[in-house]
Amino acid sequence: MTVYAVSLDLQKAEIDQYCFRDCGQIIIGGIEFNNMAWCPCRTKDCPYLDREISIGEAPFDWGKEELILRKLRVQL
């Protein structure tokens, strides 16, 4: 499976609007990666996506999964 993650440190406003209000598919909880807080999601086709990059398999408490970091469209 795949975990998609958006940086809470860099995109709090977008996460609040898109992930919690508009989409609602964000997973409650968080991931700490590269000294930053990230919000995880399992939604493959994000309608608010600007770009994404796979960093390969990452170890989680439940096992290894592909981790894809996302950048959401910036709110105007």
PDB file of N, CA and C in Angstrom:
ATOM      1  N   MET A   1       0.830  -1.190   0.000  1.00  0.00           N
ATOM      2  CA  MET A   1       0.000   0.000   0.000  1.00  0.00           C
ATOM      3  C   MET A   1       0.871   1.249   0.000  1.00  0.00           C
ATOM      4  N   THR A   2       0.206   2.366  -0.091  1.00  0.00           N
ATOM      5  CA  THR A   2       0.916   3.638  -0.194  1.00  0.00           C
ATOM      6  C   THR A   2       0.382   4.615   0.847  1.00  0.00           C
ATOM      7  N   VAL A   3       1.300   5.358   1.433  1.00  0.00           N
ATOM      8  CA  VAL A   3       0.939   6.456   2.324  1.00  0.00           C
ATOM      9  C   VAL A   3       1.331   7.749   1.624  1.00  0.00           C
ATOM     10  N   TYR A   4       0.374   8.655   1.493  1.00  0.00           N
ATOM     11  CA  TYR A   4       0.620   9.980   0.942  1.00  0.00           C
ATOM     12  C   TYR A   4       0.721  10.926   2.127  1.00  0.00           C
ATOM     13  N   ALA A   5       1.637  11.879   2.095  1.00  0.00           N
ATOM     14  CA  ALA A   5       1.829  12.771   3.228  1.00  0.00           C
ATOM     15  C   ALA A   5       1.991  14.211   2.762  1.00  0.00           C
ATOM     16  N   VAL A   6       1.359  15.118   3.511  1.00  0.00           N
ATOM     17  CA  VAL A   6       1.440  16.552   3.244  1.00  0.00           C
ATOM     18  C   VAL A   6       2.015  17.218   4.478  1.00  0.00           C
ATOM     19  N   SER A   7       2.937  18.139   4.281  1.00  0.00           N
ATOM     20  CA  SER A   7       3.621  18.785   5.403  1.00  0.00           C
ATOM     21  C   SER A   7       2.708  19.744   6.152  1.00  0.00           C
ATOM     22  N   LEU A   8       2.455  19.426   7.408  1.00  0.00           N
ATOM     23  CA  LEU A   8       1.678  20.314   8.271  1.00  0.00           C
ATOM     24  C   LEU A   8       2.451  21.590   8.559  1.00  0.00           C
ATOM     25  N   ASP A   9       3.771  21.491   8.628  1.00  0.00           N
ATOM     26  CA  ASP A   9       4.606  22.665   8.879  1.00  0.00           C
ATOM     27  C   ASP A   9       4.558  23.673   7.728  1.00  0.00           C
ATOM     28  N   LEU A  10       4.410  23.186   6.499  1.00  0.00           N
ATOM     29  CA  LEU A  10       4.453  24.058   5.330  1.00  0.00           C
ATOM     30  C   LEU A  10       3.087  24.401   4.748  1.00  0.00           C
ATOM     31  N   GLN A  11       2.075  23.543   4.990  1.00  0.00           N
ATOM     32  CA  GLN A  11       0.792  23.753   4.323  1.00  0.00           C
ATOM     33  C   GLN A  11      -0.403  23.590   5.271  1.00  0.00           C
ATOM     34  N   LYS A  12      -0.311  24.147   6.453  1.00  0.00           N
ATOM     35  CA  LYS A  12      -1.389  24.019   7.432  1.00  0.00           C
ATOM     36  C   LYS A  12      -2.714  24.557   6.904  1.00  0.00           C
ATOM     37  N   ALA A  13      -2.720  25.722   6.289  1.00  0.00           N
ATOM     38  CA  ALA A  13      -3.963  26.309   5.770  1.00  0.00           C
ATOM     39  C   ALA A  13      -4.594  25.415   4.708  1.00  0.00           C
ATOM     40  N   GLU A  14      -3.793  24.881   3.803  1.00  0.00           N
ATOM     41  CA  GLU A  14      -4.305  24.017   2.747  1.00  0.00           C
ATOM     42  C   GLU A  14      -4.832  22.695   3.327  1.00  0.00           C
ATOM     43  N   ILE A  15      -4.139  22.140   4.298  1.00  0.00           N
ATOM     44  CA  ILE A  15      -4.594  20.903   4.943  1.00  0.00           C
ATOM     45  C   ILE A  15      -5.916  21.147   5.654  1.00  0.00           C
ATOM     46  N   ASP A  16      -6.014  22.248   6.403  1.00  0.00           N
ATOM     47  CA  ASP A  16      -7.266  22.574   7.100  1.00  0.00           C
ATOM     48  C   ASP A  16      -8.426  22.672   6.117  1.00  0.00           C
ATOM     49  N   GLN A  17      -8.213  23.364   4.997  1.00  0.00           N
ATOM     50  CA  GLN A  17      -9.292  23.561   4.034  1.00  0.00           C
ATOM     51  C   GLN A  17      -9.551  22.314   3.197  1.00  0.00           C
ATOM     52  N   TYR A  18      -8.537  21.836   2.488  1.00  0.00           N
ATOM     53  CA  TYR A  18      -8.729  20.744   1.544  1.00  0.00           C
ATOM     54  C   TYR A  18      -8.926  19.395   2.221  1.00  0.00           C
ATOM     55  N   CYS A  19      -8.036  19.051   3.126  1.00  0.00           N
ATOM     56  CA  CYS A  19      -8.014  17.697   3.682  1.00  0.00           C
ATOM     57  C   CYS A  19      -9.088  17.463   4.740  1.00  0.00           C
ATOM     58  N   PHE A  20      -9.306  18.459   5.602  1.00  0.00           N
ATOM     59  CA  PHE A  20     -10.292  18.287   6.661  1.00  0.00           C
ATOM     60  C   PHE A  20     -11.688  18.746   6.253  1.00  0.00           C
ATOM     61  N   ARG A  21     -11.817  19.862   5.549  1.00  0.00           N
ATOM     62  CA  ARG A  21     -13.141  20.393   5.219  1.00  0.00           C
ATOM     63  C   ARG A  21     -13.674  19.847   3.891  1.00  0.00           C
ATOM     64  N   ASP A  22     -12.929  20.051   2.808  1.00  0.00           N
ATOM     65  CA  ASP A  22     -13.447  19.727   1.475  1.00  0.00           C
ATOM     66  C   ASP A  22     -13.436  18.224   1.178  1.00  0.00           C
ATOM     67  N   CYS A  23     -12.341  17.558   1.443  1.00  0.00           N
ATOM     68  CA  CYS A  23     -12.177  16.146   1.094  1.00  0.00           C
ATOM     69  C   CYS A  23     -12.582  15.225   2.248  1.00  0.00           C
ATOM     70  N   GLY A  24     -12.014  15.455   3.414  1.00  0.00           N
ATOM     71  CA  GLY A  24     -12.338  14.651   4.587  1.00  0.00           C
ATOM     72  C   GLY A  24     -11.683  13.288   4.644  1.00  0.00           C
ATOM     73  N   GLN A  25     -10.725  13.013   3.769  1.00  0.00           N
ATOM     74  CA  GLN A  25     -10.092  11.697   3.728  1.00  0.00           C
ATOM     75  C   GLN A  25      -8.763  11.628   4.492  1.00  0.00           C
ATOM     76  N   ILE A  26      -8.369  12.707   5.132  1.00  0.00           N
ATOM     77  CA  ILE A  26      -7.107  12.722   5.867  1.00  0.00           C
ATOM     78  C   ILE A  26      -7.191  11.725   7.023  1.00  0.00           C
ATOM     79  N   ILE A  27      -6.079  11.110   7.360  1.00  0.00           N
ATOM     80  CA  ILE A  27      -6.025  10.157   8.462  1.00  0.00           C
ATOM     81  C   ILE A  27      -5.619  10.924   9.721  1.00  0.00           C
ATOM     82  N   ILE A  28      -6.418  10.768  10.757  1.00  0.00           N
ATOM     83  CA  ILE A  28      -6.075  11.422  12.019  1.00  0.00           C
ATOM     84  C   ILE A  28      -4.827  10.749  12.569  1.00  0.00           C
ATOM     85  N   GLY A  29      -3.895  11.548  12.982  1.00  0.00           N
ATOM     86  CA  GLY A  29      -2.595  11.054  13.412  1.00  0.00           C
ATOM     87  C   GLY A  29      -1.558  11.786  12.601  1.00  0.00           C
ATOM     88  N   GLY A  30      -0.354  11.463  12.783  1.00  0.00           N
ATOM     89  CA  GLY A  30       0.675  12.167  12.041  1.00  0.00           C
ATOM     90  C   GLY A  30       1.912  11.327  11.865  1.00  0.00           C
ATOM     91  N   ILE A  31       2.764  11.819  11.005  1.00  0.00           N
ATOM     92  CA  ILE A  31       4.046  11.186  10.721  1.00  0.00           C
ATOM     93  C   ILE A  31       5.118  12.228  10.944  1.00  0.00           C
ATOM     94  N   GLU A  32       6.172  11.843  11.631  1.00  0.00           N
ATOM     95  CA  GLU A  32       7.328  12.718  11.734  1.00  0.00           C
ATOM     96  C   GLU A  32       8.366  12.201  10.760  1.00  0.00           C
ATOM     97  N   PHE A  33       8.760  13.077   9.844  1.00  0.00           N
ATOM     98  CA  PHE A  33       9.737  12.709   8.821  1.00  0.00           C
ATOM     99  C   PHE A  33      10.592  13.923   8.525  1.00  0.00           C
ATOM    100  N   ASN A  34      11.892  13.739   8.537  1.00  0.00           N
ATOM    101  CA  ASN A  34      12.826  14.809   8.207  1.00  0.00           C
ATOM    102  C   ASN A  34      12.621  16.037   9.111  1.00  0.00           C
ATOM    103  N   ASN A  35      12.383  15.763  10.405  1.00  0.00           N
ATOM    104  CA  ASN A  35      12.184  16.807  11.424  1.00  0.00           C
ATOM    105  C   ASN A  35      10.990  17.709  11.138  1.00  0.00           C
ATOM    106  N   MET A  36       9.982  17.171  10.467  1.00  0.00           N
ATOM    107  CA  MET A  36       8.764  17.922  10.164  1.00  0.00           C
ATOM    108  C   MET A  36       7.560  17.042  10.464  1.00  0.00           C
ATOM    109  N   ALA A  37       6.419  17.690  10.729  1.00  0.00           N
ATOM    110  CA  ALA A  37       5.163  16.981  10.939  1.00  0.00           C
ATOM    111  C   ALA A  37       4.436  16.840   9.604  1.00  0.00           C
ATOM    112  N   TRP A  38       3.920  15.632   9.341  1.00  0.00           N
ATOM    113  CA  TRP A  38       3.227  15.348   8.093  1.00  0.00           C
ATOM    114  C   TRP A  38       1.870  14.732   8.393  1.00  0.00           C
ATOM    115  N   CYS A  39       0.868  15.072   7.607  1.00  0.00           N
ATOM    116  CA  CYS A  39      -0.462  14.485   7.718  1.00  0.00           C
ATOM    117  C   CYS A  39      -0.596  13.399   6.660  1.00  0.00           C
ATOM    118  N   PRO A  40      -0.919  12.174   7.081  1.00  0.00           N
ATOM    119  CA  PRO A  40      -1.032  11.071   6.131  1.00  0.00           C
ATOM    120  C   PRO A  40      -2.428  10.949   5.524  1.00  0.00           C
ATOM    121  N   CYS A  41      -2.458  10.343   4.352  1.00  0.00           N
ATOM    122  CA  CYS A  41      -3.696  10.125   3.617  1.00  0.00           C
ATOM    123  C   CYS A  41      -3.509   8.878   2.759  1.00  0.00           C
ATOM    124  N   ARG A  42      -4.615   8.236   2.388  1.00  0.00           N
ATOM    125  CA  ARG A  42      -4.559   7.071   1.502  1.00  0.00           C
ATOM    126  C   ARG A  42      -5.214   7.349   0.147  1.00  0.00           C
ATOM    127  N   THR A  43      -5.653   8.581  -0.083  1.00  0.00           N
ATOM    128  CA  THR A  43      -6.356   8.922  -1.314  1.00  0.00           C
ATOM    129  C   THR A  43      -5.378   9.048  -2.476  1.00  0.00           C
ATOM    130  N   LYS A  44      -5.494   8.139  -3.433  1.00  0.00           N
ATOM    131  CA  LYS A  44      -4.578   8.112  -4.573  1.00  0.00           C
ATOM    132  C   LYS A  44      -4.769   9.325  -5.488  1.00  0.00           C
ATOM    133  N   ASP A  45      -6.001   9.638  -5.824  1.00  0.00           N
ATOM    134  CA  ASP A  45      -6.288  10.715  -6.769  1.00  0.00           C
ATOM    135  C   ASP A  45      -6.748  11.963  -6.023  1.00  0.00           C
ATOM    136  N   CYS A  46      -5.811  12.742  -5.549  1.00  0.00           N
ATOM    137  CA  CYS A  46      -6.112  13.959  -4.788  1.00  0.00           C
ATOM    138  C   CYS A  46      -6.517  15.082  -5.748  1.00  0.00           C
ATOM    139  N   PRO A  47      -7.714  15.649  -5.588  1.00  0.00           N
ATOM    140  CA  PRO A  47      -8.139  16.723  -6.480  1.00  0.00           C
ATOM    141  C   PRO A  47      -7.444  18.058  -6.206  1.00  0.00           C
ATOM    142  N   TYR A  48      -6.699  18.152  -5.100  1.00  0.00           N
ATOM    143  CA  TYR A  48      -6.035  19.401  -4.721  1.00  0.00           C
ATOM    144  C   TYR A  48      -4.520  19.339  -4.917  1.00  0.00           C
ATOM    145  N   LEU A  49      -4.055  18.288  -5.556  1.00  0.00           N
ATOM    146  CA  LEU A  49      -2.624  18.033  -5.730  1.00  0.00           C
ATOM    147  C   LEU A  49      -1.968  19.038  -6.681  1.00  0.00           C
ATOM    148  N   ASP A  50      -0.827  19.559  -6.245  1.00  0.00           N
ATOM    149  CA  ASP A  50       0.029  20.370  -7.118  1.00  0.00           C
ATOM    150  C   ASP A  50       1.106  19.466  -7.688  1.00  0.00           C
ATOM    151  N   ARG A  51       1.817  18.765  -6.811  1.00  0.00           N
ATOM    152  CA  ARG A  51       2.844  17.810  -7.251  1.00  0.00           C
ATOM    153  C   ARG A  51       3.132  16.819  -6.138  1.00  0.00           C
ATOM    154  N   GLU A  52       3.837  15.743  -6.490  1.00  0.00           N
ATOM    155  CA  GLU A  52       4.197  14.724  -5.514  1.00  0.00           C
ATOM    156  C   GLU A  52       5.475  14.035  -5.943  1.00  0.00           C
ATOM    157  N   ILE A  53       6.130  13.412  -4.949  1.00  0.00           N
ATOM    158  CA  ILE A  53       7.349  12.667  -5.225  1.00  0.00           C
ATOM    159  C   ILE A  53       7.409  11.456  -4.292  1.00  0.00           C
ATOM    160  N   SER A  54       7.745  10.330  -4.854  1.00  0.00           N
ATOM    161  CA  SER A  54       7.903   9.113  -4.059  1.00  0.00           C
ATOM    162  C   SER A  54       9.314   9.078  -3.492  1.00  0.00           C
ATOM    163  N   ILE A  55       9.408   8.772  -2.219  1.00  0.00           N
ATOM    164  CA  ILE A  55      10.738   8.616  -1.629  1.00  0.00           C
ATOM    165  C   ILE A  55      11.053   7.137  -1.388  1.00  0.00           C
ATOM    166  N   GLY A  56      10.202   6.263  -1.926  1.00  0.00           N
ATOM    167  CA  GLY A  56      10.422   4.828  -1.820  1.00  0.00           C
ATOM    168  C   GLY A  56       9.760   4.252  -0.577  1.00  0.00           C
ATOM    169  N   GLU A  57      10.194   3.063  -0.200  1.00  0.00           N
ATOM    170  CA  GLU A  57       9.624   2.402   0.961  1.00  0.00           C
ATOM    171  C   GLU A  57      10.124   3.037   2.244  1.00  0.00           C
ATOM    172  N   ALA A  58       9.213   3.192   3.190  1.00  0.00           N
ATOM    173  CA  ALA A  58       9.554   3.765   4.491  1.00  0.00           C
ATOM    174  C   ALA A  58       9.031   2.819   5.572  1.00  0.00           C
ATOM    175  N   PRO A  59       9.768   2.699   6.676  1.00  0.00           N
ATOM    176  CA  PRO A  59       9.308   1.822   7.761  1.00  0.00           C
ATOM    177  C   PRO A  59       8.276   2.540   8.646  1.00  0.00           C
ATOM    178  N   PHE A  60       7.176   1.878   8.899  1.00  0.00           N
ATOM    179  CA  PHE A  60       6.145   2.357   9.814  1.00  0.00           C
ATOM    180  C   PHE A  60       5.988   1.315  10.914  1.00  0.00           C
ATOM    181  N   ASP A  61       5.247   1.636  11.946  1.00  0.00           N
ATOM    182  CA  ASP A  61       5.024   0.687  13.044  1.00  0.00           C
ATOM    183  C   ASP A  61       4.382  -0.606  12.552  1.00  0.00           C
ATOM    184  N   TRP A  62       3.573  -0.530  11.506  1.00  0.00           N
ATOM    185  CA  TRP A  62       2.841  -1.675  10.988  1.00  0.00           C
ATOM    186  C   TRP A  62       3.553  -2.365   9.833  1.00  0.00           C
ATOM    187  N   GLY A  63       4.713  -1.841   9.395  1.00  0.00           N
ATOM    188  CA  GLY A  63       5.476  -2.440   8.303  1.00  0.00           C
ATOM    189  C   GLY A  63       5.900  -1.397   7.291  1.00  0.00           C
ATOM    190  N   LYS A  64       6.528  -1.844   6.221  1.00  0.00           N
ATOM    191  CA  LYS A  64       7.010  -0.926   5.189  1.00  0.00           C
ATOM    192  C   LYS A  64       5.915  -0.636   4.169  1.00  0.00           C
ATOM    193  N   GLU A  65       5.883   0.622   3.745  1.00  0.00           N
ATOM    194  CA  GLU A  65       4.973   1.052   2.692  1.00  0.00           C
ATOM    195  C   GLU A  65       5.667   2.128   1.873  1.00  0.00           C
ATOM    196  N   GLU A  66       5.209   2.307   0.644  1.00  0.00           N
ATOM    197  CA  GLU A  66       5.729   3.404  -0.164  1.00  0.00           C
ATOM    198  C   GLU A  66       5.245   4.715   0.449  1.00  0.00           C
ATOM    199  N   LEU A  67       6.144   5.682   0.566  1.00  0.00           N
ATOM    200  CA  LEU A  67       5.803   6.999   1.096  1.00  0.00           C
ATOM    201  C   LEU A  67       5.934   8.015  -0.030  1.00  0.00           C
ATOM    202  N   ILE A  68       4.839   8.700  -0.297  1.00  0.00           N
ATOM    203  CA  ILE A  68       4.819   9.732  -1.330  1.00  0.00           C
ATOM    204  C   ILE A  68       4.527  11.062  -0.654  1.00  0.00           C
ATOM    205  N   LEU A  69       5.434  12.016  -0.838  1.00  0.00           N
ATOM    206  CA  LEU A  69       5.260  13.347  -0.275  1.00  0.00           C
ATOM    207  C   LEU A  69       4.513  14.193  -1.289  1.00  0.00           C
ATOM    208  N   ARG A  70       3.549  14.962  -0.774  1.00  0.00           N
ATOM    209  CA  ARG A  70       2.711  15.779  -1.650  1.00  0.00           C
ATOM    210  C   ARG A  70       2.804  17.247  -1.313  1.00  0.00           C
ATOM    211  N   LYS A  71       2.584  18.045  -2.342  1.00  0.00           N
ATOM    212  CA  LYS A  71       2.397  19.486  -2.189  1.00  0.00           C
ATOM    213  C   LYS A  71       1.017  19.787  -2.754  1.00  0.00           C
ATOM    214  N   LEU A  72       0.182  20.407  -1.946  1.00  0.00           N
ATOM    215  CA  LEU A  72      -1.146  20.775  -2.390  1.00  0.00           C
ATOM    216  C   LEU A  72      -1.113  22.138  -3.078  1.00  0.00           C
ATOM    217  N   ARG A  73      -2.120  22.392  -3.900  1.00  0.00           N
ATOM    218  CA  ARG A  73      -2.239  23.723  -4.509  1.00  0.00           C
ATOM    219  C   ARG A  73      -2.325  24.764  -3.400  1.00  0.00           C
ATOM    220  N   VAL A  74      -1.681  25.865  -3.583  1.00  0.00           N
ATOM    221  CA  VAL A  74      -1.677  26.930  -2.585  1.00  0.00           C
ATOM    222  C   VAL A  74      -2.974  27.708  -2.706  1.00  0.00           C
ATOM    223  N   GLN A  75      -3.593  27.972  -1.562  1.00  0.00           N
ATOM    224  CA  GLN A  75      -4.823  28.771  -1.545  1.00  0.00           C
ATOM    225  C   GLN A  75      -4.517  30.213  -1.904  1.00  0.00           C
ATOM    226  N   LEU A  76      -5.411  30.820  -2.626  1.00  0.00           N
ATOM    227  CA  LEU A  76      -5.245  32.229  -2.998  1.00  0.00           C
ATOM    228  C   LEU A  76      -6.008  33.121  -2.060  1.00  0.00           C
TER     229      LEU A  76
END
